[in-house]
């Protein structure tokens, strides 16, 4: 099996504005992310990094190009196959945590596992393990409203890893936090990613955070350099 977890080849995407004009967001963008590799994606707002992450995570389709995850080409697969791949192989982290307010931290991490046919006991055990990894073992029974912004985002990290994905995609995961909290939360993310050995493509505006990853990609004029 190839050591490449994610391969994007020749990805192009344009959005139409009116009947004749279009905005080209991605133009023949290509990237490979190896097993266990952390890659920073740096680009200004509006440059297309969220679109790239959505295509990489099978949430959107390119106008042209191919998306391969764990050796499987999803360019022409059905919505059902793509949905199954998102659930099993891809973890998502966004700028806002999107935790379910009525559930505890533990339950927010357990629920994705139950949806993936994991037993309740096993799901509980793994959720507590993940919370312990990010220093939140004592907050397992707290609801999001009872936690700080940094704590909520760390729970969101754990939820993204709940189904043991091969690929993590993160879109400005510390963008809503102050600099001090951002650094602490990013350290927690690095601990989780390094500890699980998964691959990650992380969009960030912060050059210091980008420098702590294995390499940095810049999205310029729709291409990755």
N, C-alpha and C. Protein backbone atom coordinates (compact mmCIF):
# COMPACT_ATOMS: atom_id res chain seq x y z
N UNK A 1 0.85 -1.20 0.00
CA UNK A 1 0.00 0.00 0.00
C UNK A 1 0.89 1.25 0.00
N UNK A 2 0.47 2.25 -0.74
CA UNK A 2 1.21 3.50 -0.81
C UNK A 2 1.22 4.20 0.54
N UNK A 3 2.31 4.95 0.80
CA UNK A 3 2.39 5.74 2.02
C UNK A 3 1.70 7.10 1.87
N UNK A 4 1.11 7.35 0.71
CA UNK A 4 0.40 8.61 0.48
C UNK A 4 -1.05 8.46 0.90
N UNK A 5 -1.46 9.21 1.92
CA UNK A 5 -2.83 9.13 2.42
C UNK A 5 -3.76 9.99 1.57
N UNK A 6 -3.29 11.17 1.16
CA UNK A 6 -4.11 12.07 0.34
C UNK A 6 -3.33 12.47 -0.91
N UNK A 7 -3.98 12.34 -2.05
CA UNK A 7 -3.41 12.83 -3.31
C UNK A 7 -4.47 13.67 -4.02
N UNK A 8 -4.16 14.94 -4.23
CA UNK A 8 -4.99 15.80 -5.06
C UNK A 8 -4.19 16.06 -6.34
N UNK A 9 -4.78 15.76 -7.48
CA UNK A 9 -4.05 15.90 -8.74
C UNK A 9 -4.87 16.73 -9.73
N UNK A 10 -4.30 17.87 -10.13
CA UNK A 10 -4.92 18.70 -11.16
C UNK A 10 -6.28 19.23 -10.79
N UNK A 11 -6.45 19.65 -9.53
CA UNK A 11 -7.76 20.11 -9.06
C UNK A 11 -8.05 21.53 -9.55
N UNK A 12 -9.17 21.68 -10.25
CA UNK A 12 -9.64 23.00 -10.68
C UNK A 12 -11.09 23.18 -10.24
N UNK A 13 -11.42 24.41 -9.84
CA UNK A 13 -12.78 24.70 -9.39
C UNK A 13 -13.09 26.16 -9.65
N UNK A 14 -14.24 26.41 -10.26
CA UNK A 14 -14.67 27.78 -10.54
C UNK A 14 -16.13 27.92 -10.10
N UNK A 15 -16.47 29.11 -9.65
CA UNK A 15 -17.85 29.43 -9.28
C UNK A 15 -18.37 30.45 -10.27
N UNK A 16 -19.57 30.22 -10.73
CA UNK A 16 -20.15 31.09 -11.75
C UNK A 16 -20.86 32.27 -11.10
N UNK A 17 -20.64 33.43 -11.69
CA UNK A 17 -21.25 34.66 -11.23
C UNK A 17 -22.02 35.26 -12.41
N UNK A 18 -23.32 35.11 -12.35
CA UNK A 18 -24.13 35.53 -13.49
C UNK A 18 -24.10 34.47 -14.58
N UNK A 19 -24.52 34.84 -15.77
CA UNK A 19 -24.64 33.87 -16.85
C UNK A 19 -23.31 33.56 -17.53
N UNK A 20 -22.43 34.55 -17.61
CA UNK A 20 -21.23 34.37 -18.41
C UNK A 20 -19.93 34.42 -17.62
N UNK A 21 -19.88 35.21 -16.55
CA UNK A 21 -18.63 35.36 -15.81
C UNK A 21 -18.45 34.24 -14.79
N UNK A 22 -17.21 33.95 -14.46
CA UNK A 22 -16.92 32.95 -13.45
C UNK A 22 -15.68 33.35 -12.66
N UNK A 23 -15.61 32.85 -11.43
CA UNK A 23 -14.47 33.11 -10.56
C UNK A 23 -13.72 31.79 -10.39
N UNK A 24 -12.49 31.74 -10.87
CA UNK A 24 -11.69 30.52 -10.78
C UNK A 24 -10.97 30.52 -9.43
N UNK A 25 -11.32 29.57 -8.58
CA UNK A 25 -10.75 29.50 -7.24
C UNK A 25 -9.51 28.61 -7.20
N UNK A 26 -9.59 27.46 -7.85
CA UNK A 26 -8.46 26.53 -7.90
C UNK A 26 -8.12 26.25 -9.35
N UNK A 27 -6.81 26.21 -9.64
CA UNK A 27 -6.37 26.06 -11.02
C UNK A 27 -5.24 25.03 -11.09
N UNK A 28 -5.61 23.80 -11.39
CA UNK A 28 -4.63 22.72 -11.54
C UNK A 28 -3.79 22.54 -10.27
N UNK A 29 -4.46 22.58 -9.12
CA UNK A 29 -3.77 22.43 -7.83
C UNK A 29 -3.50 20.96 -7.54
N UNK A 30 -2.28 20.66 -7.12
CA UNK A 30 -1.90 19.28 -6.82
C UNK A 30 -1.10 19.23 -5.52
N UNK A 31 -1.32 18.18 -4.74
CA UNK A 31 -0.57 17.99 -3.50
C UNK A 31 -0.66 16.54 -3.07
N UNK A 32 0.37 16.07 -2.41
CA UNK A 32 0.37 14.74 -1.82
C UNK A 32 0.72 14.88 -0.34
N UNK A 33 -0.06 14.22 0.51
CA UNK A 33 0.21 14.22 1.95
C UNK A 33 0.50 12.78 2.36
N UNK A 34 1.70 12.56 2.87
CA UNK A 34 2.13 11.21 3.23
C UNK A 34 1.60 10.76 4.58
N UNK A 35 1.75 9.49 4.84
CA UNK A 35 1.30 8.91 6.10
C UNK A 35 2.06 9.54 7.27
N UNK A 36 1.33 10.04 8.26
CA UNK A 36 1.93 10.64 9.44
C UNK A 36 2.47 12.04 9.23
N UNK A 37 2.20 12.64 8.08
CA UNK A 37 2.74 13.96 7.76
C UNK A 37 1.76 15.08 8.12
N UNK A 38 2.29 16.16 8.70
CA UNK A 38 1.51 17.35 9.01
C UNK A 38 1.90 18.46 8.04
N UNK A 39 0.95 18.92 7.27
CA UNK A 39 1.20 19.93 6.24
C UNK A 39 0.37 21.18 6.53
N UNK A 40 1.03 22.32 6.55
CA UNK A 40 0.33 23.59 6.74
C UNK A 40 -0.11 24.13 5.38
N UNK A 41 -1.30 24.69 5.34
CA UNK A 41 -1.83 25.32 4.14
C UNK A 41 -2.04 26.80 4.45
N UNK A 42 -1.26 27.65 3.81
CA UNK A 42 -1.29 29.08 4.10
C UNK A 42 -1.79 29.85 2.87
N UNK A 43 -2.78 30.71 3.12
CA UNK A 43 -3.33 31.53 2.03
C UNK A 43 -4.16 32.63 2.65
N UNK A 44 -4.27 33.77 2.00
CA UNK A 44 -5.13 34.84 2.52
C UNK A 44 -6.59 34.47 2.40
N UNK A 45 -7.44 35.19 3.13
CA UNK A 45 -8.88 34.94 3.07
C UNK A 45 -9.38 35.10 1.64
N UNK A 46 -10.24 34.18 1.24
CA UNK A 46 -10.81 34.25 -0.10
C UNK A 46 -9.97 33.63 -1.18
N UNK A 47 -8.82 33.06 -0.81
CA UNK A 47 -7.93 32.50 -1.83
C UNK A 47 -8.34 31.09 -2.27
N UNK A 48 -9.24 30.44 -1.51
CA UNK A 48 -9.71 29.13 -1.92
C UNK A 48 -9.29 27.98 -1.03
N UNK A 49 -8.70 28.27 0.14
CA UNK A 49 -8.22 27.15 0.97
C UNK A 49 -9.38 26.33 1.54
N UNK A 50 -10.50 26.99 1.89
CA UNK A 50 -11.65 26.22 2.39
C UNK A 50 -12.21 25.34 1.29
N UNK A 51 -12.26 25.86 0.08
CA UNK A 51 -12.72 25.05 -1.06
C UNK A 51 -11.82 23.85 -1.26
N UNK A 52 -10.52 24.07 -1.17
CA UNK A 52 -9.57 22.96 -1.32
C UNK A 52 -9.78 21.90 -0.25
N UNK A 53 -9.98 22.33 1.00
CA UNK A 53 -10.20 21.38 2.09
C UNK A 53 -11.50 20.62 1.89
N UNK A 54 -12.54 21.30 1.42
CA UNK A 54 -13.83 20.63 1.19
C UNK A 54 -13.71 19.59 0.08
N UNK A 55 -12.94 19.90 -0.93
CA UNK A 55 -12.72 18.92 -2.01
C UNK A 55 -11.89 17.75 -1.50
N UNK A 56 -10.85 18.05 -0.73
CA UNK A 56 -10.01 16.98 -0.17
C UNK A 56 -10.81 16.06 0.74
N UNK A 57 -11.78 16.64 1.46
CA UNK A 57 -12.60 15.85 2.38
C UNK A 57 -13.87 15.30 1.78
N UNK A 58 -14.01 15.40 0.46
CA UNK A 58 -15.14 14.83 -0.28
C UNK A 58 -16.47 15.50 0.05
N UNK A 59 -16.40 16.74 0.54
CA UNK A 59 -17.61 17.52 0.78
C UNK A 59 -18.03 18.30 -0.47
N UNK A 60 -17.10 18.46 -1.38
CA UNK A 60 -17.35 19.18 -2.63
C UNK A 60 -16.63 18.43 -3.74
N UNK A 61 -17.03 18.68 -4.97
CA UNK A 61 -16.40 18.02 -6.11
C UNK A 61 -15.71 19.06 -6.99
N UNK A 62 -14.55 18.74 -7.54
CA UNK A 62 -13.86 19.68 -8.43
C UNK A 62 -14.47 19.66 -9.82
N UNK A 63 -14.22 20.70 -10.58
CA UNK A 63 -14.63 20.71 -11.98
C UNK A 63 -13.77 19.75 -12.78
N UNK A 64 -12.52 19.60 -12.37
CA UNK A 64 -11.62 18.63 -12.99
C UNK A 64 -10.55 18.25 -11.98
N UNK A 65 -9.93 17.11 -12.21
CA UNK A 65 -8.91 16.63 -11.28
C UNK A 65 -9.38 15.41 -10.52
N UNK A 66 -8.46 14.83 -9.73
CA UNK A 66 -8.76 13.58 -9.03
C UNK A 66 -8.40 13.69 -7.56
N UNK A 67 -9.23 13.04 -6.73
CA UNK A 67 -9.04 13.01 -5.28
C UNK A 67 -8.86 11.55 -4.86
N UNK A 68 -7.70 11.25 -4.29
CA UNK A 68 -7.42 9.88 -3.86
C UNK A 68 -7.12 9.89 -2.35
N UNK A 69 -7.83 9.03 -1.61
CA UNK A 69 -7.62 8.89 -0.17
C UNK A 69 -7.34 7.42 0.13
N UNK A 70 -6.22 7.16 0.77
CA UNK A 70 -5.81 5.80 1.11
C UNK A 70 -5.82 4.89 -0.11
N UNK A 71 -5.36 5.43 -1.24
CA UNK A 71 -5.25 4.63 -2.45
C UNK A 71 -6.53 4.47 -3.24
N UNK A 72 -7.63 5.03 -2.75
CA UNK A 72 -8.92 4.91 -3.43
C UNK A 72 -9.27 6.22 -4.12
N UNK A 73 -9.48 6.16 -5.43
CA UNK A 73 -9.84 7.34 -6.21
C UNK A 73 -11.35 7.58 -6.08
N UNK A 74 -11.71 8.74 -5.54
CA UNK A 74 -13.13 9.05 -5.32
C UNK A 74 -13.70 10.00 -6.36
N UNK A 75 -12.98 10.24 -7.43
CA UNK A 75 -13.40 11.21 -8.43
C UNK A 75 -14.75 10.88 -9.05
N UNK A 76 -15.04 9.59 -9.23
CA UNK A 76 -16.28 9.21 -9.88
C UNK A 76 -17.14 8.29 -9.02
N UNK A 77 -16.91 8.33 -7.71
CA UNK A 77 -17.67 7.47 -6.81
C UNK A 77 -19.03 8.08 -6.46
N UNK A 78 -19.96 7.23 -6.06
CA UNK A 78 -21.30 7.68 -5.70
C UNK A 78 -21.29 8.48 -4.40
N UNK A 79 -22.36 9.23 -4.16
CA UNK A 79 -22.48 9.98 -2.91
C UNK A 79 -22.42 9.05 -1.70
N UNK A 80 -22.97 7.88 -1.84
CA UNK A 80 -22.96 6.91 -0.73
C UNK A 80 -21.54 6.49 -0.37
N UNK A 81 -20.73 6.20 -1.40
CA UNK A 81 -19.33 5.81 -1.15
C UNK A 81 -18.53 6.97 -0.56
N UNK A 82 -18.79 8.17 -1.04
CA UNK A 82 -18.09 9.34 -0.54
C UNK A 82 -18.46 9.62 0.91
N UNK A 83 -19.74 9.46 1.25
CA UNK A 83 -20.19 9.66 2.61
C UNK A 83 -19.56 8.65 3.56
N UNK A 84 -19.48 7.41 3.12
CA UNK A 84 -18.86 6.37 3.94
C UNK A 84 -17.39 6.68 4.18
N UNK A 85 -16.71 7.18 3.16
CA UNK A 85 -15.29 7.53 3.30
C UNK A 85 -15.11 8.69 4.26
N UNK A 86 -15.99 9.68 4.20
CA UNK A 86 -15.90 10.81 5.14
C UNK A 86 -16.07 10.34 6.58
N UNK A 87 -16.99 9.43 6.79
CA UNK A 87 -17.26 8.96 8.14
C UNK A 87 -16.11 8.12 8.69
N UNK A 88 -15.49 7.32 7.83
CA UNK A 88 -14.49 6.37 8.31
C UNK A 88 -13.05 6.88 8.22
N UNK A 89 -12.75 7.66 7.20
CA UNK A 89 -11.34 7.97 6.92
C UNK A 89 -10.94 9.42 7.10
N UNK A 90 -11.92 10.33 7.28
CA UNK A 90 -11.61 11.75 7.32
C UNK A 90 -12.17 12.39 8.58
N UNK A 91 -11.34 13.19 9.26
CA UNK A 91 -11.80 13.97 10.40
C UNK A 91 -11.74 15.45 10.04
N UNK A 92 -12.74 16.22 10.46
CA UNK A 92 -12.81 17.64 10.14
C UNK A 92 -12.76 18.49 11.41
N UNK A 93 -12.01 19.58 11.36
CA UNK A 93 -12.00 20.58 12.43
C UNK A 93 -12.20 21.95 11.78
N UNK A 94 -13.12 22.73 12.35
CA UNK A 94 -13.40 24.06 11.81
C UNK A 94 -12.98 25.13 12.81
N UNK A 95 -13.10 26.38 12.37
CA UNK A 95 -12.71 27.51 13.22
C UNK A 95 -13.59 27.58 14.46
N UNK A 96 -14.88 27.25 14.30
CA UNK A 96 -15.80 27.20 15.43
C UNK A 96 -16.05 25.74 15.78
N UNK A 97 -16.19 25.45 17.05
CA UNK A 97 -16.19 24.05 17.49
C UNK A 97 -17.40 23.24 17.04
N UNK A 98 -18.58 23.85 16.90
CA UNK A 98 -19.79 23.15 16.46
C UNK A 98 -20.15 21.94 17.33
N UNK A 99 -19.87 22.04 18.63
CA UNK A 99 -20.27 20.97 19.55
C UNK A 99 -21.78 21.01 19.75
N UNK A 100 -22.36 19.85 20.06
CA UNK A 100 -23.79 19.78 20.35
C UNK A 100 -24.02 20.26 21.78
N UNK A 101 -24.74 21.36 21.92
CA UNK A 101 -24.85 22.07 23.20
C UNK A 101 -25.51 21.23 24.30
N UNK A 102 -26.42 20.34 23.92
CA UNK A 102 -27.17 19.59 24.92
C UNK A 102 -26.44 18.35 25.43
N UNK A 103 -25.28 18.06 24.86
CA UNK A 103 -24.52 16.88 25.25
C UNK A 103 -23.22 17.27 25.95
N UNK A 104 -22.73 16.38 26.78
CA UNK A 104 -21.47 16.63 27.48
C UNK A 104 -20.29 16.47 26.52
N UNK A 105 -19.11 16.86 27.00
CA UNK A 105 -17.91 16.68 26.20
C UNK A 105 -17.74 15.21 25.81
N UNK A 106 -17.92 14.32 26.79
CA UNK A 106 -17.78 12.89 26.52
C UNK A 106 -18.78 12.44 25.46
N UNK A 107 -20.03 12.86 25.61
CA UNK A 107 -21.07 12.42 24.68
C UNK A 107 -20.81 12.95 23.26
N UNK A 108 -20.28 14.15 23.15
CA UNK A 108 -19.96 14.70 21.83
C UNK A 108 -18.93 13.85 21.09
N UNK A 109 -18.06 13.18 21.85
CA UNK A 109 -17.04 12.32 21.24
C UNK A 109 -17.55 10.90 21.05
N UNK A 110 -18.47 10.48 21.90
CA UNK A 110 -19.04 9.14 21.81
C UNK A 110 -19.98 9.00 20.61
N UNK A 111 -20.79 10.03 20.37
CA UNK A 111 -21.84 9.93 19.34
C UNK A 111 -21.32 9.55 17.95
N UNK A 112 -20.24 10.16 17.45
CA UNK A 112 -19.75 9.73 16.12
C UNK A 112 -19.34 8.27 16.08
N UNK A 113 -18.85 7.77 17.20
CA UNK A 113 -18.44 6.37 17.25
C UNK A 113 -19.65 5.44 17.22
N UNK A 114 -20.71 5.82 17.93
CA UNK A 114 -21.93 5.01 17.91
C UNK A 114 -22.52 4.97 16.51
N UNK A 115 -22.44 6.11 15.79
CA UNK A 115 -22.94 6.15 14.41
C UNK A 115 -22.11 5.26 13.50
N UNK A 116 -20.90 4.94 13.95
CA UNK A 116 -20.00 4.08 13.16
C UNK A 116 -19.98 2.65 13.70
N UNK A 117 -21.05 2.32 14.47
CA UNK A 117 -21.28 0.95 14.97
C UNK A 117 -20.26 0.48 15.99
N UNK A 118 -19.68 1.40 16.76
CA UNK A 118 -18.80 1.03 17.87
C UNK A 118 -19.67 0.84 19.11
N UNK A 119 -19.33 -0.13 19.96
CA UNK A 119 -20.11 -0.37 21.16
C UNK A 119 -20.00 0.82 22.12
N UNK A 120 -21.00 0.99 22.98
CA UNK A 120 -21.01 2.13 23.90
C UNK A 120 -19.81 2.08 24.85
N UNK A 121 -19.49 0.92 25.35
CA UNK A 121 -18.37 0.82 26.29
C UNK A 121 -17.05 1.18 25.62
N UNK A 122 -16.84 0.68 24.40
CA UNK A 122 -15.62 0.99 23.68
C UNK A 122 -15.55 2.47 23.32
N UNK A 123 -16.69 3.03 22.93
CA UNK A 123 -16.74 4.45 22.57
C UNK A 123 -16.44 5.32 23.78
N UNK A 124 -17.00 4.96 24.92
CA UNK A 124 -16.74 5.70 26.17
C UNK A 124 -15.25 5.66 26.53
N UNK A 125 -14.69 4.48 26.44
CA UNK A 125 -13.28 4.30 26.81
C UNK A 125 -12.37 5.14 25.92
N UNK A 126 -12.63 5.12 24.61
CA UNK A 126 -11.77 5.87 23.70
C UNK A 126 -11.98 7.38 23.85
N UNK A 127 -13.21 7.79 24.09
CA UNK A 127 -13.50 9.22 24.31
C UNK A 127 -12.76 9.73 25.54
N UNK A 128 -12.75 8.95 26.61
CA UNK A 128 -12.04 9.36 27.82
C UNK A 128 -10.53 9.39 27.58
N UNK A 129 -10.05 8.45 26.78
CA UNK A 129 -8.62 8.46 26.43
C UNK A 129 -8.26 9.75 25.69
N UNK A 130 -9.06 10.13 24.70
CA UNK A 130 -8.77 11.34 23.93
C UNK A 130 -8.84 12.58 24.80
N UNK A 131 -9.84 12.66 25.67
CA UNK A 131 -9.94 13.81 26.56
C UNK A 131 -8.73 13.90 27.48
N UNK A 132 -8.26 12.76 27.93
CA UNK A 132 -7.06 12.75 28.76
C UNK A 132 -5.84 13.24 28.01
N UNK A 133 -5.76 12.93 26.72
CA UNK A 133 -4.62 13.35 25.90
C UNK A 133 -4.53 14.86 25.77
N UNK A 134 -5.68 15.54 25.84
CA UNK A 134 -5.68 17.00 25.70
C UNK A 134 -5.93 17.70 27.04
N UNK A 135 -5.76 16.96 28.15
CA UNK A 135 -5.86 17.56 29.47
C UNK A 135 -7.26 17.89 29.93
N UNK A 136 -8.26 17.18 29.41
CA UNK A 136 -9.65 17.49 29.76
C UNK A 136 -10.38 16.32 30.41
N UNK A 137 -9.63 15.42 31.02
CA UNK A 137 -10.27 14.26 31.64
C UNK A 137 -11.30 14.68 32.69
N UNK A 138 -11.02 15.75 33.42
CA UNK A 138 -11.93 16.20 34.47
C UNK A 138 -13.14 16.95 33.94
N UNK A 139 -13.17 17.23 32.63
CA UNK A 139 -14.27 17.99 32.04
C UNK A 139 -15.21 17.10 31.23
N UNK A 140 -15.05 15.81 31.34
CA UNK A 140 -15.82 14.87 30.52
C UNK A 140 -17.33 15.06 30.65
N UNK A 141 -17.79 15.39 31.84
CA UNK A 141 -19.24 15.50 32.08
C UNK A 141 -19.76 16.93 32.00
N UNK A 142 -18.94 17.84 31.48
CA UNK A 142 -19.36 19.23 31.33
C UNK A 142 -19.92 19.46 29.92
N UNK A 143 -20.95 20.28 29.84
CA UNK A 143 -21.49 20.68 28.55
C UNK A 143 -20.69 21.85 27.99
N UNK A 144 -20.78 22.09 26.69
CA UNK A 144 -19.99 23.16 26.07
C UNK A 144 -20.11 24.51 26.77
N UNK A 145 -21.30 24.88 27.20
CA UNK A 145 -21.50 26.19 27.84
C UNK A 145 -20.74 26.31 29.15
N UNK A 146 -20.33 25.18 29.71
CA UNK A 146 -19.61 25.18 30.98
C UNK A 146 -18.09 25.17 30.77
N UNK A 147 -17.65 25.26 29.52
CA UNK A 147 -16.22 25.21 29.21
C UNK A 147 -15.77 26.49 28.52
N UNK A 148 -14.48 26.77 28.61
CA UNK A 148 -13.91 27.93 27.92
C UNK A 148 -13.83 27.65 26.42
N UNK A 149 -13.53 28.70 25.64
CA UNK A 149 -13.39 28.52 24.20
C UNK A 149 -12.30 27.55 23.83
N UNK A 150 -11.18 27.64 24.53
CA UNK A 150 -10.08 26.72 24.27
C UNK A 150 -10.43 25.28 24.60
N UNK A 151 -11.16 25.09 25.69
CA UNK A 151 -11.59 23.74 26.07
C UNK A 151 -12.58 23.18 25.05
N UNK A 152 -13.50 24.01 24.61
CA UNK A 152 -14.47 23.56 23.60
C UNK A 152 -13.76 23.11 22.32
N UNK A 153 -12.74 23.87 21.91
CA UNK A 153 -12.06 23.51 20.68
C UNK A 153 -11.25 22.23 20.84
N UNK A 154 -10.70 22.00 22.03
CA UNK A 154 -9.99 20.76 22.28
C UNK A 154 -10.94 19.56 22.23
N UNK A 155 -12.16 19.75 22.72
CA UNK A 155 -13.16 18.68 22.60
C UNK A 155 -13.48 18.43 21.14
N UNK A 156 -13.56 19.50 20.35
CA UNK A 156 -13.83 19.35 18.92
C UNK A 156 -12.70 18.57 18.24
N UNK A 157 -11.46 18.78 18.68
CA UNK A 157 -10.34 18.00 18.15
C UNK A 157 -10.55 16.52 18.43
N UNK A 158 -10.92 16.23 19.67
CA UNK A 158 -11.14 14.83 20.06
C UNK A 158 -12.27 14.21 19.24
N UNK A 159 -13.32 14.97 19.03
CA UNK A 159 -14.45 14.45 18.24
C UNK A 159 -14.00 14.14 16.81
N UNK A 160 -13.14 14.98 16.24
CA UNK A 160 -12.66 14.75 14.88
C UNK A 160 -11.86 13.47 14.77
N UNK A 161 -11.23 13.06 15.87
CA UNK A 161 -10.42 11.85 15.87
C UNK A 161 -11.16 10.63 16.40
N UNK A 162 -12.43 10.81 16.74
CA UNK A 162 -13.18 9.75 17.42
C UNK A 162 -13.23 8.45 16.62
N UNK A 163 -13.36 8.54 15.31
CA UNK A 163 -13.46 7.33 14.49
C UNK A 163 -12.13 6.91 13.88
N UNK A 164 -11.04 7.39 14.50
CA UNK A 164 -9.68 7.01 14.10
C UNK A 164 -9.46 7.20 12.59
N UNK A 165 -9.65 8.41 12.09
CA UNK A 165 -9.46 8.64 10.65
C UNK A 165 -8.00 8.54 10.24
N UNK A 166 -7.79 8.35 8.96
CA UNK A 166 -6.42 8.37 8.42
C UNK A 166 -5.99 9.78 8.08
N UNK A 167 -6.97 10.66 7.84
CA UNK A 167 -6.69 12.02 7.37
C UNK A 167 -7.47 13.03 8.20
N UNK A 168 -6.76 14.05 8.68
CA UNK A 168 -7.40 15.15 9.40
C UNK A 168 -7.30 16.42 8.56
N UNK A 169 -8.42 17.10 8.39
CA UNK A 169 -8.47 18.37 7.67
C UNK A 169 -8.96 19.45 8.63
N UNK A 170 -8.19 20.51 8.78
CA UNK A 170 -8.53 21.55 9.74
C UNK A 170 -8.49 22.92 9.06
N UNK A 171 -9.55 23.70 9.26
CA UNK A 171 -9.67 25.02 8.64
C UNK A 171 -9.57 26.09 9.72
N UNK A 172 -8.40 26.69 9.86
CA UNK A 172 -8.15 27.72 10.89
C UNK A 172 -8.62 27.24 12.26
N UNK A 173 -8.10 26.12 12.76
CA UNK A 173 -8.63 25.51 13.99
C UNK A 173 -8.45 26.35 15.25
N UNK A 174 -7.55 27.34 15.21
CA UNK A 174 -7.37 28.20 16.39
C UNK A 174 -7.69 29.66 16.07
N UNK A 175 -8.37 29.88 14.96
CA UNK A 175 -8.62 31.24 14.49
C UNK A 175 -9.49 32.09 15.39
N UNK A 176 -10.33 31.47 16.21
CA UNK A 176 -11.24 32.22 17.08
C UNK A 176 -10.66 32.47 18.48
N UNK A 177 -9.42 32.06 18.70
CA UNK A 177 -8.85 32.10 20.05
C UNK A 177 -7.79 33.20 20.16
N UNK A 178 -7.59 33.69 21.38
CA UNK A 178 -6.54 34.67 21.60
C UNK A 178 -5.17 33.98 21.45
N UNK A 179 -4.09 34.76 21.24
CA UNK A 179 -2.79 34.15 20.95
C UNK A 179 -2.31 33.14 21.97
N UNK A 180 -2.49 33.43 23.26
CA UNK A 180 -2.01 32.52 24.29
C UNK A 180 -2.80 31.21 24.27
N UNK A 181 -4.12 31.33 24.21
CA UNK A 181 -4.97 30.13 24.16
C UNK A 181 -4.72 29.36 22.87
N UNK A 182 -4.55 30.09 21.78
CA UNK A 182 -4.29 29.46 20.49
C UNK A 182 -3.07 28.55 20.55
N UNK A 183 -2.01 29.03 21.19
CA UNK A 183 -0.78 28.24 21.29
C UNK A 183 -1.01 26.98 22.10
N UNK A 184 -1.74 27.09 23.21
CA UNK A 184 -2.01 25.92 24.05
C UNK A 184 -2.87 24.90 23.32
N UNK A 185 -3.88 25.41 22.62
CA UNK A 185 -4.79 24.52 21.91
C UNK A 185 -4.08 23.84 20.74
N UNK A 186 -3.20 24.58 20.06
CA UNK A 186 -2.46 23.98 18.96
C UNK A 186 -1.53 22.88 19.47
N UNK A 187 -0.93 23.08 20.63
CA UNK A 187 -0.09 22.04 21.22
C UNK A 187 -0.91 20.77 21.47
N UNK A 188 -2.15 20.96 21.94
CA UNK A 188 -3.03 19.81 22.18
C UNK A 188 -3.32 19.09 20.87
N UNK A 189 -3.55 19.87 19.80
CA UNK A 189 -3.81 19.27 18.49
C UNK A 189 -2.59 18.48 18.02
N UNK A 190 -1.41 19.05 18.17
CA UNK A 190 -0.19 18.36 17.75
C UNK A 190 0.00 17.07 18.53
N UNK A 191 -0.30 17.09 19.82
CA UNK A 191 -0.19 15.89 20.64
C UNK A 191 -1.10 14.79 20.12
N UNK A 192 -2.35 15.16 19.79
CA UNK A 192 -3.30 14.18 19.28
C UNK A 192 -2.84 13.62 17.94
N UNK A 193 -2.43 14.49 17.04
CA UNK A 193 -2.07 14.07 15.70
C UNK A 193 -0.82 13.19 15.72
N UNK A 194 0.22 13.65 16.44
CA UNK A 194 1.45 12.87 16.51
C UNK A 194 1.22 11.54 17.21
N UNK A 195 0.37 11.55 18.24
CA UNK A 195 0.12 10.33 18.99
C UNK A 195 -0.64 9.29 18.19
N UNK A 196 -1.49 9.73 17.27
CA UNK A 196 -2.29 8.79 16.50
C UNK A 196 -1.64 8.40 15.18
N UNK A 197 -0.63 9.16 14.76
CA UNK A 197 0.07 8.83 13.52
C UNK A 197 -0.70 9.12 12.25
N UNK A 198 -1.77 9.93 12.36
CA UNK A 198 -2.53 10.23 11.15
C UNK A 198 -1.89 11.36 10.36
N UNK A 199 -2.39 11.59 9.16
CA UNK A 199 -1.92 12.66 8.30
C UNK A 199 -2.84 13.86 8.47
N UNK A 200 -2.30 15.06 8.29
CA UNK A 200 -3.11 16.25 8.51
C UNK A 200 -2.76 17.35 7.52
N UNK A 201 -3.79 18.02 7.04
CA UNK A 201 -3.66 19.23 6.21
C UNK A 201 -4.37 20.33 6.97
N UNK A 202 -3.60 21.30 7.46
CA UNK A 202 -4.14 22.30 8.39
C UNK A 202 -3.98 23.70 7.82
N UNK A 203 -5.09 24.37 7.57
CA UNK A 203 -5.07 25.74 7.08
C UNK A 203 -4.88 26.70 8.25
N UNK A 204 -3.97 27.64 8.09
CA UNK A 204 -3.73 28.61 9.15
C UNK A 204 -3.18 29.91 8.57
N UNK A 205 -3.51 31.01 9.25
CA UNK A 205 -2.93 32.31 8.90
C UNK A 205 -1.64 32.57 9.68
N UNK A 206 -1.41 31.74 10.69
CA UNK A 206 -0.34 31.98 11.65
C UNK A 206 0.97 31.34 11.17
N UNK A 207 1.96 32.15 10.76
CA UNK A 207 3.22 31.58 10.26
C UNK A 207 3.99 30.81 11.31
N UNK A 208 3.83 31.18 12.60
CA UNK A 208 4.54 30.46 13.66
C UNK A 208 3.98 29.05 13.82
N UNK A 209 2.66 28.92 13.72
CA UNK A 209 2.06 27.58 13.80
C UNK A 209 2.45 26.77 12.57
N UNK A 210 2.44 27.40 11.40
CA UNK A 210 2.80 26.70 10.17
C UNK A 210 4.23 26.16 10.24
N UNK A 211 5.12 26.94 10.85
CA UNK A 211 6.53 26.55 10.93
C UNK A 211 6.75 25.32 11.80
N UNK A 212 5.79 25.01 12.66
CA UNK A 212 5.92 23.85 13.54
C UNK A 212 5.45 22.55 12.90
N UNK A 213 4.95 22.65 11.68
CA UNK A 213 4.53 21.45 10.96
C UNK A 213 5.65 20.96 10.06
N UNK A 214 5.44 19.86 9.38
CA UNK A 214 6.50 19.25 8.59
C UNK A 214 6.87 20.07 7.36
N UNK A 215 5.88 20.67 6.74
CA UNK A 215 6.14 21.56 5.60
C UNK A 215 4.95 22.47 5.39
N UNK A 216 5.16 23.50 4.57
CA UNK A 216 4.12 24.50 4.34
C UNK A 216 3.83 24.63 2.86
N UNK A 217 2.54 24.62 2.53
CA UNK A 217 2.08 24.88 1.17
C UNK A 217 1.44 26.25 1.13
N UNK A 218 1.68 27.00 0.07
CA UNK A 218 1.04 28.30 -0.13
C UNK A 218 0.10 28.19 -1.33
N UNK A 219 -1.12 28.67 -1.15
CA UNK A 219 -2.08 28.68 -2.24
C UNK A 219 -2.02 30.04 -2.91
N UNK A 220 -1.48 30.06 -4.13
CA UNK A 220 -1.29 31.31 -4.86
C UNK A 220 -1.88 31.18 -6.26
N UNK A 221 -2.80 32.10 -6.57
CA UNK A 221 -3.45 32.10 -7.89
C UNK A 221 -4.05 30.73 -8.22
N UNK A 222 -4.61 30.11 -7.19
CA UNK A 222 -5.30 28.84 -7.42
C UNK A 222 -4.42 27.61 -7.45
N UNK A 223 -3.10 27.80 -7.27
CA UNK A 223 -2.18 26.67 -7.31
C UNK A 223 -1.43 26.53 -6.01
N UNK A 224 -1.01 25.31 -5.70
CA UNK A 224 -0.27 25.03 -4.47
C UNK A 224 1.22 25.06 -4.77
N UNK A 225 1.96 25.87 -4.01
CA UNK A 225 3.41 25.97 -4.22
C UNK A 225 4.13 25.82 -2.90
